[in-house]
Amino acid sequence: MQLERILTSSVKYKLFSNNLTPDRDTVLGDITPATWTGSTGINQSWSDYTTNGVSSHNGYAIAPPIDWTNGSGGDVDVYGYYVTDTGATKLLAVARFDGAPVTIVDGGSLSVVPVWGDFSQAE
């Protein structure tokens, strides 16, 4: 499965804090990583994707939700998340949250469900 090739070596999920609307031309340098306490990248490997398979010729992999907790001492705004290789040298995916920015109150958290598929939602 192609998805297993992407996820076998692990990927890293990170939040971004700039008002970016990603498109097909977005590159890693366009993204401003969130840097508040609790915004560190979260690694995921193939074994974390507990639901995976093929349906109607489309492959998919789904992991349990990952959470970022705001420990910054104040509210923070984020616009979306992005996914890189673990060395943060290759941009694999980027998504803007609906209704961005999303405010995470101090002590609050934000969850994202990692879903990969060999289908595209690009327009």
PDB file of N, CA and C in Angstrom:
ATOM      1  N   MET A   1       0.845  -1.177   0.000  1.00  0.00           N
ATOM      2  CA  MET A   1       0.000   0.000   0.000  1.00  0.00           C
ATOM      3  C   MET A   1       0.891   1.241   0.000  1.00  0.00           C
ATOM      4  N   GLN A   2       0.615   2.200  -0.884  1.00  0.00           N
ATOM      5  CA  GLN A   2       1.402   3.427  -0.975  1.00  0.00           C
ATOM      6  C   GLN A   2       1.399   4.197   0.350  1.00  0.00           C
ATOM      7  N   LEU A   3       0.269   4.204   1.041  1.00  0.00           N
ATOM      8  CA  LEU A   3       0.196   4.934   2.307  1.00  0.00           C
ATOM      9  C   LEU A   3       1.182   4.383   3.313  1.00  0.00           C
ATOM     10  N   GLU A   4       1.342   3.089   3.328  1.00  0.00           N
ATOM     11  CA  GLU A   4       2.288   2.486   4.263  1.00  0.00           C
ATOM     12  C   GLU A   4       3.703   2.968   3.968  1.00  0.00           C
ATOM     13  N   ARG A   5       4.028   3.168   2.703  1.00  0.00           N
ATOM     14  CA  ARG A   5       5.349   3.700   2.353  1.00  0.00           C
ATOM     15  C   ARG A   5       5.547   5.093   2.927  1.00  0.00           C
ATOM     16  N   ILE A   6       4.511   5.932   2.862  1.00  0.00           N
ATOM     17  CA  ILE A   6       4.610   7.294   3.405  1.00  0.00           C
ATOM     18  C   ILE A   6       4.772   7.248   4.919  1.00  0.00           C
ATOM     19  N   LEU A   7       3.991   6.410   5.573  1.00  0.00           N
ATOM     20  CA  LEU A   7       3.910   6.434   7.032  1.00  0.00           C
ATOM     21  C   LEU A   7       4.883   5.496   7.740  1.00  0.00           C
ATOM     22  N   THR A   8       5.526   4.593   7.022  1.00  0.00           N
ATOM     23  CA  THR A   8       6.434   3.641   7.657  1.00  0.00           C
ATOM     24  C   THR A   8       7.573   4.345   8.380  1.00  0.00           C
ATOM     25  N   SER A   9       8.107   5.389   7.782  1.00  0.00           N
ATOM     26  CA  SER A   9       9.251   6.054   8.393  1.00  0.00           C
ATOM     27  C   SER A   9       8.832   7.152   9.371  1.00  0.00           C
ATOM     28  N   SER A  10       7.589   7.253   9.689  1.00  0.00           N
ATOM     29  CA  SER A  10       7.017   8.229  10.617  1.00  0.00           C
ATOM     30  C   SER A  10       6.844   9.592   9.972  1.00  0.00           C
ATOM     31  N   VAL A  11       5.873  10.301  10.480  1.00  0.00           N
ATOM     32  CA  VAL A  11       5.600  11.669  10.059  1.00  0.00           C
ATOM     33  C   VAL A  11       5.421  12.509  11.312  1.00  0.00           C
ATOM     34  N   LYS A  12       5.484  13.821  11.152  1.00  0.00           N
ATOM     35  CA  LYS A  12       5.335  14.721  12.293  1.00  0.00           C
ATOM     36  C   LYS A  12       4.223  15.714  12.000  1.00  0.00           C
ATOM     37  N   TYR A  13       3.255  15.804  12.915  1.00  0.00           N
ATOM     38  CA  TYR A  13       2.154  16.765  12.839  1.00  0.00           C
ATOM     39  C   TYR A  13       2.525  17.997  13.647  1.00  0.00           C
ATOM     40  N   LYS A  14       2.331  19.178  13.052  1.00  0.00           N
ATOM     41  CA  LYS A  14       2.622  20.441  13.719  1.00  0.00           C
ATOM     42  C   LYS A  14       1.487  21.425  13.431  1.00  0.00           C
ATOM     43  N   LEU A  15       1.313  22.393  14.308  1.00  0.00           N
ATOM     44  CA  LEU A  15       0.337  23.461  14.109  1.00  0.00           C
ATOM     45  C   LEU A  15       1.027  24.666  13.481  1.00  0.00           C
ATOM     46  N   PHE A  16       0.264  25.452  12.690  1.00  0.00           N
ATOM     47  CA  PHE A  16       0.853  26.693  12.182  1.00  0.00           C
ATOM     48  C   PHE A  16       0.059  27.897  12.656  1.00  0.00           C
ATOM     49  N   SER A  17       0.788  29.022  12.802  1.00  0.00           N
ATOM     50  CA  SER A  17       0.199  30.213  13.422  1.00  0.00           C
ATOM     51  C   SER A  17       0.054  31.394  12.475  1.00  0.00           C
ATOM     52  N   ASN A  18       0.423  31.231  11.218  1.00  0.00           N
ATOM     53  CA  ASN A  18       0.224  32.350  10.274  1.00  0.00           C
ATOM     54  C   ASN A  18      -1.070  32.157   9.491  1.00  0.00           C
ATOM     55  N   ASN A  19      -1.601  33.270   8.985  1.00  0.00           N
ATOM     56  CA  ASN A  19      -2.879  33.270   8.287  1.00  0.00           C
ATOM     57  C   ASN A  19      -2.674  32.777   6.848  1.00  0.00           C
ATOM     58  N   LEU A  20      -2.392  31.508   6.716  1.00  0.00           N
ATOM     59  CA  LEU A  20      -2.083  30.871   5.440  1.00  0.00           C
ATOM     60  C   LEU A  20      -3.295  30.104   4.926  1.00  0.00           C
ATOM     61  N   THR A  21      -3.608  30.302   3.650  1.00  0.00           N
ATOM     62  CA  THR A  21      -4.589  29.465   2.981  1.00  0.00           C
ATOM     63  C   THR A  21      -3.803  28.600   1.999  1.00  0.00           C
ATOM     64  N   PRO A  22      -3.528  27.355   2.369  1.00  0.00           N
ATOM     65  CA  PRO A  22      -2.646  26.524   1.545  1.00  0.00           C
ATOM     66  C   PRO A  22      -3.268  26.180   0.193  1.00  0.00           C
ATOM     67  N   ASP A  23      -2.384  26.006  -0.774  1.00  0.00           N
ATOM     68  CA  ASP A  23      -2.794  25.536  -2.087  1.00  0.00           C
ATOM     69  C   ASP A  23      -1.704  24.600  -2.616  1.00  0.00           C
ATOM     70  N   ARG A  24      -1.809  24.202  -3.850  1.00  0.00           N
ATOM     71  CA  ARG A  24      -0.847  23.243  -4.410  1.00  0.00           C
ATOM     72  C   ARG A  24       0.574  23.790  -4.474  1.00  0.00           C
ATOM     73  N   ASP A  25       0.726  25.100  -4.421  1.00  0.00           N
ATOM     74  CA  ASP A  25       2.052  25.707  -4.495  1.00  0.00           C
ATOM     75  C   ASP A  25       2.671  25.972  -3.130  1.00  0.00           C
ATOM     76  N   THR A  26       1.976  25.660  -2.046  1.00  0.00           N
ATOM     77  CA  THR A  26       2.494  25.905  -0.697  1.00  0.00           C
ATOM     78  C   THR A  26       3.740  25.060  -0.456  1.00  0.00           C
ATOM     79  N   VAL A  27       4.761  25.714   0.096  1.00  0.00           N
ATOM     80  CA  VAL A  27       6.003  25.027   0.455  1.00  0.00           C
ATOM     81  C   VAL A  27       6.255  25.213   1.948  1.00  0.00           C
ATOM     82  N   LEU A  28       7.155  24.434   2.485  1.00  0.00           N
ATOM     83  CA  LEU A  28       7.441  24.459   3.920  1.00  0.00           C
ATOM     84  C   LEU A  28       7.816  25.862   4.396  1.00  0.00           C
ATOM     85  N   GLY A  29       8.536  26.624   3.579  1.00  0.00           N
ATOM     86  CA  GLY A  29       8.942  27.974   3.964  1.00  0.00           C
ATOM     87  C   GLY A  29       7.794  28.961   4.094  1.00  0.00           C
ATOM     88  N   ASP A  30       6.624  28.626   3.571  1.00  0.00           N
ATOM     89  CA  ASP A  30       5.446  29.498   3.683  1.00  0.00           C
ATOM     90  C   ASP A  30       4.784  29.391   5.050  1.00  0.00           C
ATOM     91  N   ILE A  31       5.139  28.383   5.818  1.00  0.00           N
ATOM     92  CA  ILE A  31       4.441  28.041   7.060  1.00  0.00           C
ATOM     93  C   ILE A  31       5.203  28.570   8.268  1.00  0.00           C
ATOM     94  N   THR A  32       4.468  29.213   9.182  1.00  0.00           N
ATOM     95  CA  THR A  32       5.054  29.660  10.442  1.00  0.00           C
ATOM     96  C   THR A  32       4.617  28.683  11.536  1.00  0.00           C
ATOM     97  N   PRO A  33       5.551  27.885  12.061  1.00  0.00           N
ATOM     98  CA  PRO A  33       5.180  26.919  13.101  1.00  0.00           C
ATOM     99  C   PRO A  33       4.714  27.617  14.377  1.00  0.00           C
ATOM    100  N   ALA A  34       3.736  27.031  15.037  1.00  0.00           N
ATOM    101  CA  ALA A  34       3.336  27.504  16.367  1.00  0.00           C
ATOM    102  C   ALA A  34       4.489  27.215  17.328  1.00  0.00           C
ATOM    103  N   THR A  35       4.758  28.164  18.230  1.00  0.00           N
ATOM    104  CA  THR A  35       5.921  28.004  19.120  1.00  0.00           C
ATOM    105  C   THR A  35       5.588  28.142  20.600  1.00  0.00           C
ATOM    106  N   TRP A  36       4.315  28.169  20.967  1.00  0.00           N
ATOM    107  CA  TRP A  36       3.953  28.295  22.373  1.00  0.00           C
ATOM    108  C   TRP A  36       4.176  26.964  23.096  1.00  0.00           C
ATOM    109  N   THR A  37       4.253  27.019  24.407  1.00  0.00           N
ATOM    110  CA  THR A  37       4.466  25.823  25.217  1.00  0.00           C
ATOM    111  C   THR A  37       3.330  24.837  24.996  1.00  0.00           C
ATOM    112  N   GLY A  38       3.662  23.656  24.506  1.00  0.00           N
ATOM    113  CA  GLY A  38       2.669  22.626  24.225  1.00  0.00           C
ATOM    114  C   GLY A  38       2.410  22.441  22.741  1.00  0.00           C
ATOM    115  N   SER A  39       3.084  23.255  21.896  1.00  0.00           N
ATOM    116  CA  SER A  39       2.824  23.177  20.458  1.00  0.00           C
ATOM    117  C   SER A  39       3.845  22.326  19.706  1.00  0.00           C
ATOM    118  N   THR A  40       4.627  21.555  20.414  1.00  0.00           N
ATOM    119  CA  THR A  40       5.656  20.757  19.750  1.00  0.00           C
ATOM    120  C   THR A  40       5.048  19.762  18.774  1.00  0.00           C
ATOM    121  N   GLY A  41       5.829  19.371  17.794  1.00  0.00           N
ATOM    122  CA  GLY A  41       5.375  18.402  16.809  1.00  0.00           C
ATOM    123  C   GLY A  41       5.102  17.045  17.441  1.00  0.00           C
ATOM    124  N   ILE A  42       4.155  16.338  16.864  1.00  0.00           N
ATOM    125  CA  ILE A  42       3.774  15.012  17.369  1.00  0.00           C
ATOM    126  C   ILE A  42       4.066  13.981  16.291  1.00  0.00           C
ATOM    127  N   ASN A  43       4.923  13.013  16.627  1.00  0.00           N
ATOM    128  CA  ASN A  43       5.290  11.967  15.672  1.00  0.00           C
ATOM    129  C   ASN A  43       4.211  10.900  15.591  1.00  0.00           C
ATOM    130  N   GLN A  44       3.998  10.406  14.377  1.00  0.00           N
ATOM    131  CA  GLN A  44       3.087   9.295  14.127  1.00  0.00           C
ATOM    132  C   GLN A  44       3.818   8.303  13.238  1.00  0.00           C
ATOM    133  N   SER A  45       3.656   7.026  13.532  1.00  0.00           N
ATOM    134  CA  SER A  45       4.232   5.989  12.672  1.00  0.00           C
ATOM    135  C   SER A  45       3.115   5.068  12.200  1.00  0.00           C
ATOM    136  N   TRP A  46       3.435   4.180  11.266  1.00  0.00           N
ATOM    137  CA  TRP A  46       2.427   3.297  10.687  1.00  0.00           C
ATOM    138  C   TRP A  46       1.669   2.526  11.772  1.00  0.00           C
ATOM    139  N   SER A  47       2.336   2.116  12.820  1.00  0.00           N
ATOM    140  CA  SER A  47       1.677   1.333  13.879  1.00  0.00           C
ATOM    141  C   SER A  47       0.629   2.151  14.640  1.00  0.00           C
ATOM    142  N   ASP A  48       0.695   3.490  14.565  1.00  0.00           N
ATOM    143  CA  ASP A  48      -0.297   4.345  15.221  1.00  0.00           C
ATOM    144  C   ASP A  48      -1.623   4.377  14.467  1.00  0.00           C
ATOM    145  N   TYR A  49      -1.590   3.993  13.199  1.00  0.00           N
ATOM    146  CA  TYR A  49      -2.792   4.018  12.363  1.00  0.00           C
ATOM    147  C   TYR A  49      -3.524   2.693  12.526  1.00  0.00           C
ATOM    148  N   THR A  50      -4.442   2.685  13.481  1.00  0.00           N
ATOM    149  CA  THR A  50      -5.094   1.439  13.891  1.00  0.00           C
ATOM    150  C   THR A  50      -6.195   1.003  12.946  1.00  0.00           C
ATOM    151  N   THR A  51      -6.684   1.901  12.109  1.00  0.00           N
ATOM    152  CA  THR A  51      -7.698   1.550  11.119  1.00  0.00           C
ATOM    153  C   THR A  51      -7.114   1.842   9.746  1.00  0.00           C
ATOM    154  N   ASN A  52      -7.022   0.819   8.911  1.00  0.00           N
ATOM    155  CA  ASN A  52      -6.518   1.040   7.563  1.00  0.00           C
ATOM    156  C   ASN A  52      -7.036  -0.050   6.650  1.00  0.00           C
ATOM    157  N   GLY A  53      -7.057   0.247   5.378  1.00  0.00           N
ATOM    158  CA  GLY A  53      -7.535  -0.734   4.422  1.00  0.00           C
ATOM    159  C   GLY A  53      -7.811  -0.110   3.076  1.00  0.00           C
ATOM    160  N   VAL A  54      -8.586  -0.815   2.270  1.00  0.00           N
ATOM    161  CA  VAL A  54      -8.940  -0.367   0.929  1.00  0.00           C
ATOM    162  C   VAL A  54     -10.446  -0.478   0.782  1.00  0.00           C
ATOM    163  N   SER A  55     -11.065   0.570   0.248  1.00  0.00           N
ATOM    164  CA  SER A  55     -12.497   0.583  -0.006  1.00  0.00           C
ATOM    165  C   SER A  55     -12.732   1.244  -1.357  1.00  0.00           C
ATOM    166  N   SER A  56     -13.409   0.555  -2.252  1.00  0.00           N
ATOM    167  CA  SER A  56     -13.681   1.089  -3.596  1.00  0.00           C
ATOM    168  C   SER A  56     -12.399   1.571  -4.281  1.00  0.00           C
ATOM    169  N   HIS A  57     -11.354   0.813  -4.170  1.00  0.00           N
ATOM    170  CA  HIS A  57     -10.052   1.098  -4.791  1.00  0.00           C
ATOM    171  C   HIS A  57      -9.329   2.291  -4.180  1.00  0.00           C
ATOM    172  N   ASN A  58      -9.777   2.790  -3.053  1.00  0.00           N
ATOM    173  CA  ASN A  58      -9.099   3.882  -2.356  1.00  0.00           C
ATOM    174  C   ASN A  58      -8.539   3.372  -1.044  1.00  0.00           C
ATOM    175  N   GLY A  59      -7.252   3.612  -0.820  1.00  0.00           N
ATOM    176  CA  GLY A  59      -6.629   3.220   0.439  1.00  0.00           C
ATOM    177  C   GLY A  59      -6.806   4.299   1.487  1.00  0.00           C
ATOM    178  N   TYR A  60      -6.820   3.895   2.749  1.00  0.00           N
ATOM    179  CA  TYR A  60      -6.963   4.870   3.831  1.00  0.00           C
ATOM    180  C   TYR A  60      -6.260   4.363   5.081  1.00  0.00           C
ATOM    181  N   ALA A  61      -5.899   5.290   5.948  1.00  0.00           N
ATOM    182  CA  ALA A  61      -5.300   4.976   7.250  1.00  0.00           C
ATOM    183  C   ALA A  61      -5.769   6.046   8.227  1.00  0.00           C
ATOM    184  N   ILE A  62      -6.251   5.618   9.396  1.00  0.00           N
ATOM    185  CA  ILE A  62      -6.784   6.528  10.407  1.00  0.00           C
ATOM    186  C   ILE A  62      -6.152   6.184  11.755  1.00  0.00           C
ATOM    187  N   ALA A  63      -5.676   7.208  12.458  1.00  0.00           N
ATOM    188  CA  ALA A  63      -5.083   7.023  13.787  1.00  0.00           C
ATOM    189  C   ALA A  63      -5.994   7.674  14.835  1.00  0.00           C
ATOM    190  N   PRO A  64      -5.831   7.292  16.090  1.00  0.00           N
ATOM    191  CA  PRO A  64      -6.575   7.973  17.151  1.00  0.00           C
ATOM    192  C   PRO A  64      -6.204   9.457  17.187  1.00  0.00           C
ATOM    193  N   PRO A  65      -7.069  10.293  17.737  1.00  0.00           N
ATOM    194  CA  PRO A  65      -6.796  11.739  17.787  1.00  0.00           C
ATOM    195  C   PRO A  65      -5.476  12.047  18.483  1.00  0.00           C
ATOM    196  N   ILE A  66      -4.820  13.088  17.991  1.00  0.00           N
ATOM    197  CA  ILE A  66      -3.638  13.618  18.664  1.00  0.00           C
ATOM    198  C   ILE A  66      -4.024  14.977  19.236  1.00  0.00           C
ATOM    199  N   ASP A  67      -3.425  15.344  20.351  1.00  0.00           N
ATOM    200  CA  ASP A  67      -3.816  16.552  21.071  1.00  0.00           C
ATOM    201  C   ASP A  67      -2.626  17.456  21.339  1.00  0.00           C
ATOM    202  N   TRP A  68      -2.872  18.756  21.230  1.00  0.00           N
ATOM    203  CA  TRP A  68      -1.917  19.770  21.662  1.00  0.00           C
ATOM    204  C   TRP A  68      -2.575  20.520  22.808  1.00  0.00           C
ATOM    205  N   THR A  69      -1.861  20.674  23.929  1.00  0.00           N
ATOM    206  CA  THR A  69      -2.376  21.403  25.084  1.00  0.00           C
ATOM    207  C   THR A  69      -1.631  22.721  25.222  1.00  0.00           C
ATOM    208  N   ASN A  70      -2.376  23.794  25.350  1.00  0.00           N
ATOM    209  CA  ASN A  70      -1.800  25.125  25.469  1.00  0.00           C
ATOM    210  C   ASN A  70      -1.325  25.369  26.896  1.00  0.00           C
ATOM    211  N   GLY A  71      -0.013  25.440  27.068  1.00  0.00           N
ATOM    212  CA  GLY A  71       0.575  25.735  28.371  1.00  0.00           C
ATOM    213  C   GLY A  71       1.325  27.049  28.340  1.00  0.00           C
ATOM    214  N   SER A  72       0.878  27.983  27.493  1.00  0.00           N
ATOM    215  CA  SER A  72       1.629  29.221  27.263  1.00  0.00           C
ATOM    216  C   SER A  72       1.380  30.306  28.303  1.00  0.00           C
ATOM    217  N   GLY A  73       0.301  30.178  29.072  1.00  0.00           N
ATOM    218  CA  GLY A  73      -0.045  31.231  30.023  1.00  0.00           C
ATOM    219  C   GLY A  73      -1.035  32.229  29.464  1.00  0.00           C
ATOM    220  N   GLY A  74      -1.441  32.047  28.219  1.00  0.00           N
ATOM    221  CA  GLY A  74      -2.419  32.926  27.577  1.00  0.00           C
ATOM    222  C   GLY A  74      -3.091  32.197  26.430  1.00  0.00           C
ATOM    223  N   ASP A  75      -4.123  32.782  25.887  1.00  0.00           N
ATOM    224  CA  ASP A  75      -4.800  32.176  24.746  1.00  0.00           C
ATOM    225  C   ASP A  75      -3.911  32.287  23.501  1.00  0.00           C
ATOM    226  N   VAL A  76      -4.010  31.299  22.599  1.00  0.00           N
ATOM    227  CA  VAL A  76      -3.242  31.319  21.351  1.00  0.00           C
ATOM    228  C   VAL A  76      -4.172  31.028  20.181  1.00  0.00           C
ATOM    229  N   ASP A  77      -3.826  31.564  19.024  1.00  0.00           N
ATOM    230  CA  ASP A  77      -4.578  31.302  17.794  1.00  0.00           C
ATOM    231  C   ASP A  77      -3.737  30.442  16.868  1.00  0.00           C
ATOM    232  N   VAL A  78      -4.383  29.467  16.233  1.00  0.00           N
ATOM    233  CA  VAL A  78      -3.743  28.653  15.207  1.00  0.00           C
ATOM    234  C   VAL A  78      -4.654  28.614  13.993  1.00  0.00           C
ATOM    235  N   TYR A  79      -4.058  28.434  12.840  1.00  0.00           N
ATOM    236  CA  TYR A  79      -4.812  28.456  11.587  1.00  0.00           C
ATOM    237  C   TYR A  79      -4.962  27.080  10.964  1.00  0.00           C
ATOM    238  N   GLY A  80      -4.126  26.143  11.362  1.00  0.00           N
ATOM    239  CA  GLY A  80      -4.214  24.805  10.793  1.00  0.00           C
ATOM    240  C   GLY A  80      -3.052  23.948  11.254  1.00  0.00           C
ATOM    241  N   TYR A  81      -2.870  22.841  10.552  1.00  0.00           N
ATOM    242  CA  TYR A  81      -1.769  21.932  10.867  1.00  0.00           C
ATOM    243  C   TYR A  81      -1.092  21.513   9.575  1.00  0.00           C
ATOM    244  N   TYR A  82       0.123  21.029   9.746  1.00  0.00           N
ATOM    245  CA  TYR A  82       0.862  20.520   8.598  1.00  0.00           C
ATOM    246  C   TYR A  82       1.621  19.276   9.013  1.00  0.00           C
ATOM    247  N   VAL A  83       2.039  18.511   8.028  1.00  0.00           N
ATOM    248  CA  VAL A  83       2.700  17.239   8.274  1.00  0.00           C
ATOM    249  C   VAL A  83       4.017  17.224   7.500  1.00  0.00           C
ATOM    250  N   THR A  84       5.080  16.851   8.192  1.00  0.00           N
ATOM    251  CA  THR A  84       6.398  16.747   7.569  1.00  0.00           C
ATOM    252  C   THR A  84       6.986  15.364   7.837  1.00  0.00           C
ATOM    253  N   ASP A  85       8.117  15.085   7.198  1.00  0.00           N
ATOM    254  CA  ASP A  85       8.909  13.943   7.618  1.00  0.00           C
ATOM    255  C   ASP A  85       9.445  14.281   9.009  1.00  0.00           C
ATOM    256  N   THR A  86       9.977  13.311   9.735  1.00  0.00           N
ATOM    257  CA  THR A  86      10.404  13.572  11.114  1.00  0.00           C
ATOM    258  C   THR A  86      11.563  14.564  11.193  1.00  0.00           C
ATOM    259  N   GLY A  87      12.317  14.713  10.126  1.00  0.00           N
ATOM    260  CA  GLY A  87      13.396  15.696  10.108  1.00  0.00           C
ATOM    261  C   GLY A  87      12.928  17.094   9.749  1.00  0.00           C
ATOM    262  N   ALA A  88      11.635  17.237   9.478  1.00  0.00           N
ATOM    263  CA  ALA A  88      11.019  18.520   9.107  1.00  0.00           C
ATOM    264  C   ALA A  88      11.683  19.137   7.877  1.00  0.00           C
ATOM    265  N   THR A  89      12.049  18.297   6.911  1.00  0.00           N
ATOM    266  CA  THR A  89      12.660  18.798   5.686  1.00  0.00           C
ATOM    267  C   THR A  89      11.722  18.697   4.485  1.00  0.00           C
ATOM    268  N   LYS A  90      10.665  17.877   4.584  1.00  0.00           N
ATOM    269  CA  LYS A  90       9.730  17.697   3.482  1.00  0.00           C
ATOM    270  C   LYS A  90       8.310  17.949   3.959  1.00  0.00           C
ATOM    271  N   LEU A  91       7.591  18.802   3.244  1.00  0.00           N
ATOM    272  CA  LEU A  91       6.181  19.048   3.531  1.00  0.00           C
ATOM    273  C   LEU A  91       5.368  17.966   2.844  1.00  0.00           C
ATOM    274  N   LEU A  92       4.605  17.200   3.623  1.00  0.00           N
ATOM    275  CA  LEU A  92       3.791  16.112   3.083  1.00  0.00           C
ATOM    276  C   LEU A  92       2.330  16.501   2.931  1.00  0.00           C
ATOM    277  N   ALA A  93       1.838  17.367   3.821  1.00  0.00           N
ATOM    278  CA  ALA A  93       0.438  17.782   3.781  1.00  0.00           C
ATOM    279  C   ALA A  93       0.272  19.042   4.628  1.00  0.00           C
ATOM    280  N   VAL A  94      -0.755  19.821   4.299  1.00  0.00           N
ATOM    281  CA  VAL A  94      -1.078  21.010   5.075  1.00  0.00           C
ATOM    282  C   VAL A  94      -2.579  21.237   4.971  1.00  0.00           C
ATOM    283  N   ALA A  95      -3.197  21.653   6.081  1.00  0.00           N
ATOM    284  CA  ALA A  95      -4.638  21.891   6.101  1.00  0.00           C
ATOM    285  C   ALA A  95      -4.956  23.092   6.985  1.00  0.00           C
ATOM    286  N   ARG A  96      -5.846  23.937   6.498  1.00  0.00           N
ATOM    287  CA  ARG A  96      -6.347  25.082   7.265  1.00  0.00           C
ATOM    288  C   ARG A  96      -7.627  24.646   7.970  1.00  0.00           C
ATOM    289  N   PHE A  97      -7.778  25.054   9.223  1.00  0.00           N
ATOM    290  CA  PHE A  97      -8.990  24.723   9.962  1.00  0.00           C
ATOM    291  C   PHE A  97     -10.177  25.506   9.413  1.00  0.00           C
ATOM    292  N   ASP A  98     -11.332  24.866   9.357  1.00  0.00           N
ATOM    293  CA  ASP A  98     -12.559  25.575   9.030  1.00  0.00           C
ATOM    294  C   ASP A  98     -12.765  26.648  10.097  1.00  0.00           C
ATOM    295  N   GLY A  99     -13.107  27.840   9.691  1.00  0.00           N
ATOM    296  CA  GLY A  99     -13.332  28.923  10.650  1.00  0.00           C
ATOM    297  C   GLY A  99     -12.060  29.462  11.272  1.00  0.00           C
ATOM    298  N   ALA A 100     -10.902  29.226  10.657  1.00  0.00           N
ATOM    299  CA  ALA A 100      -9.634  29.700  11.210  1.00  0.00           C
ATOM    300  C   ALA A 100      -9.662  31.217  11.350  1.00  0.00           C
ATOM    301  N   PRO A 101      -9.029  31.752  12.395  1.00  0.00           N
ATOM    302  CA  PRO A 101      -8.200  31.035  13.342  1.00  0.00           C
ATOM    303  C   PRO A 101      -9.024  30.346  14.433  1.00  0.00           C
ATOM    304  N   VAL A 102      -8.431  29.315  15.006  1.00  0.00           N
ATOM    305  CA  VAL A 102      -9.012  28.611  16.144  1.00  0.00           C
ATOM    306  C   VAL A 102      -8.251  29.077  17.383  1.00  0.00           C
ATOM    307  N   THR A 103      -8.975  29.528  18.388  1.00  0.00           N
ATOM    308  CA  THR A 103      -8.350  29.971  19.636  1.00  0.00           C
ATOM    309  C   THR A 103      -8.310  28.810  20.616  1.00  0.00           C
ATOM    310  N   ILE A 104      -7.124  28.556  21.150  1.00  0.00           N
ATOM    311  CA  ILE A 104      -6.959  27.542  22.196  1.00  0.00           C
ATOM    312  C   ILE A 104      -6.696  28.311  23.484  1.00  0.00           C
ATOM    313  N   VAL A 105      -7.615  28.227  24.420  1.00  0.00           N
ATOM    314  CA  VAL A 105      -7.469  28.958  25.679  1.00  0.00           C
ATOM    315  C   VAL A 105      -6.333  28.354  26.491  1.00  0.00           C
ATOM    316  N   ASP A 106      -5.766  29.167  27.378  1.00  0.00           N
ATOM    317  CA  ASP A 106      -4.692  28.674  28.241  1.00  0.00           C
ATOM    318  C   ASP A 106      -5.181  27.461  29.028  1.00  0.00           C
ATOM    319  N   GLY A 107      -4.447  26.376  28.944  1.00  0.00           N
ATOM    320  CA  GLY A 107      -4.829  25.136  29.616  1.00  0.00           C
ATOM    321  C   GLY A 107      -5.754  24.267  28.784  1.00  0.00           C
ATOM    322  N   GLY A 108      -6.275  24.801  27.690  1.00  0.00           N
ATOM    323  CA  GLY A 108      -7.155  24.041  26.807  1.00  0.00           C
ATOM    324  C   GLY A 108      -6.359  23.221  25.802  1.00  0.00           C
ATOM    325  N   SER A 109      -7.063  22.423  25.030  1.00  0.00           N
ATOM    326  CA  SER A 109      -6.367  21.600  24.050  1.00  0.00           C
ATOM    327  C   SER A 109      -7.119  21.576  22.727  1.00  0.00           C
ATOM    328  N   LEU A 110      -6.430  21.124  21.708  1.00  0.00           N
ATOM    329  CA  LEU A 110      -6.963  20.985  20.362  1.00  0.00           C
ATOM    330  C   LEU A 110      -6.637  19.588  19.873  1.00  0.00           C
ATOM    331  N   SER A 111      -7.621  18.921  19.282  1.00  0.00           N
ATOM    332  CA  SER A 111      -7.429  17.562  18.770  1.00  0.00           C
ATOM    333  C   SER A 111      -7.532  17.544  17.252  1.00  0.00           C
ATOM    334  N   VAL A 112      -6.724  16.697  16.642  1.00  0.00           N
ATOM    335  CA  VAL A 112      -6.778  16.439  15.209  1.00  0.00           C
ATOM    336  C   VAL A 112      -6.762  14.923  15.028  1.00  0.00           C
ATOM    337  N   VAL A 113      -7.643  14.410  14.167  1.00  0.00           N
ATOM    338  CA  VAL A 113      -7.664  12.980  13.849  1.00  0.00           C
ATOM    339  C   VAL A 113      -6.835  12.782  12.574  1.00  0.00           C
ATOM    340  N   PRO A 114      -5.698  12.096  12.678  1.00  0.00           N
ATOM    341  CA  PRO A 114      -4.872  11.858  11.491  1.00  0.00           C
ATOM    342  C   PRO A 114      -5.548  10.872  10.536  1.00  0.00           C
ATOM    343  N   VAL A 115      -5.808  11.349   9.320  1.00  0.00           N
ATOM    344  CA  VAL A 115      -6.420  10.520   8.276  1.00  0.00           C
ATOM    345  C   VAL A 115      -5.604  10.711   6.999  1.00  0.00           C
ATOM    346  N   TRP A 116      -5.180   9.612   6.429  1.00  0.00           N
ATOM    347  CA  TRP A 116      -4.481   9.634   5.152  1.00  0.00           C
ATOM    348  C   TRP A 116      -5.271   8.788   4.177  1.00  0.00           C
ATOM    349  N   GLY A 117      -5.262   9.203   2.914  1.00  0.00           N
ATOM    350  CA  GLY A 117      -5.926   8.423   1.890  1.00  0.00           C
ATOM    351  C   GLY A 117      -5.300   8.662   0.542  1.00  0.00           C
ATOM    352  N   ASP A 118      -5.515   7.753  -0.378  1.00  0.00           N
ATOM    353  CA  ASP A 118      -4.984   7.937  -1.725  1.00  0.00           C
ATOM    354  C   ASP A 118      -6.034   8.597  -2.621  1.00  0.00           C
ATOM    355  N   PHE A 119      -6.821   9.482  -2.002  1.00  0.00           N
ATOM    356  CA  PHE A 119      -7.811  10.281  -2.688  1.00  0.00           C
ATOM    357  C   PHE A 119      -7.458  11.732  -2.434  1.00  0.00           C
ATOM    358  N   SER A 120      -7.997  12.652  -3.153  1.00  0.00           N
ATOM    359  CA  SER A 120      -7.665  14.050  -2.996  1.00  0.00           C
ATOM    360  C   SER A 120      -8.917  14.870  -2.720  1.00  0.00           C
ATOM    361  N   GLN A 121      -8.779  15.852  -1.836  1.00  0.00           N
ATOM    362  CA  GLN A 121      -9.850  16.805  -1.593  1.00  0.00           C
ATOM    363  C   GLN A 121      -9.520  18.153  -2.231  1.00  0.00           C
ATOM    364  N   ALA A 122      -8.433  18.189  -2.992  1.00  0.00           N
ATOM    365  CA  ALA A 122      -8.034  19.425  -3.656  1.00  0.00           C
ATOM    366  C   ALA A 122      -9.022  19.753  -4.761  1.00  0.00           C
ATOM    367  N   GLU A 123      -9.239  21.033  -4.962  1.00  0.00           N
ATOM    368  CA  GLU A 123     -10.155  21.473  -6.009  1.00  0.00           C
ATOM    369  C   GLU A 123      -9.400  21.788  -7.270  1.00  0.00           C
TER     370      GLU A 123
END
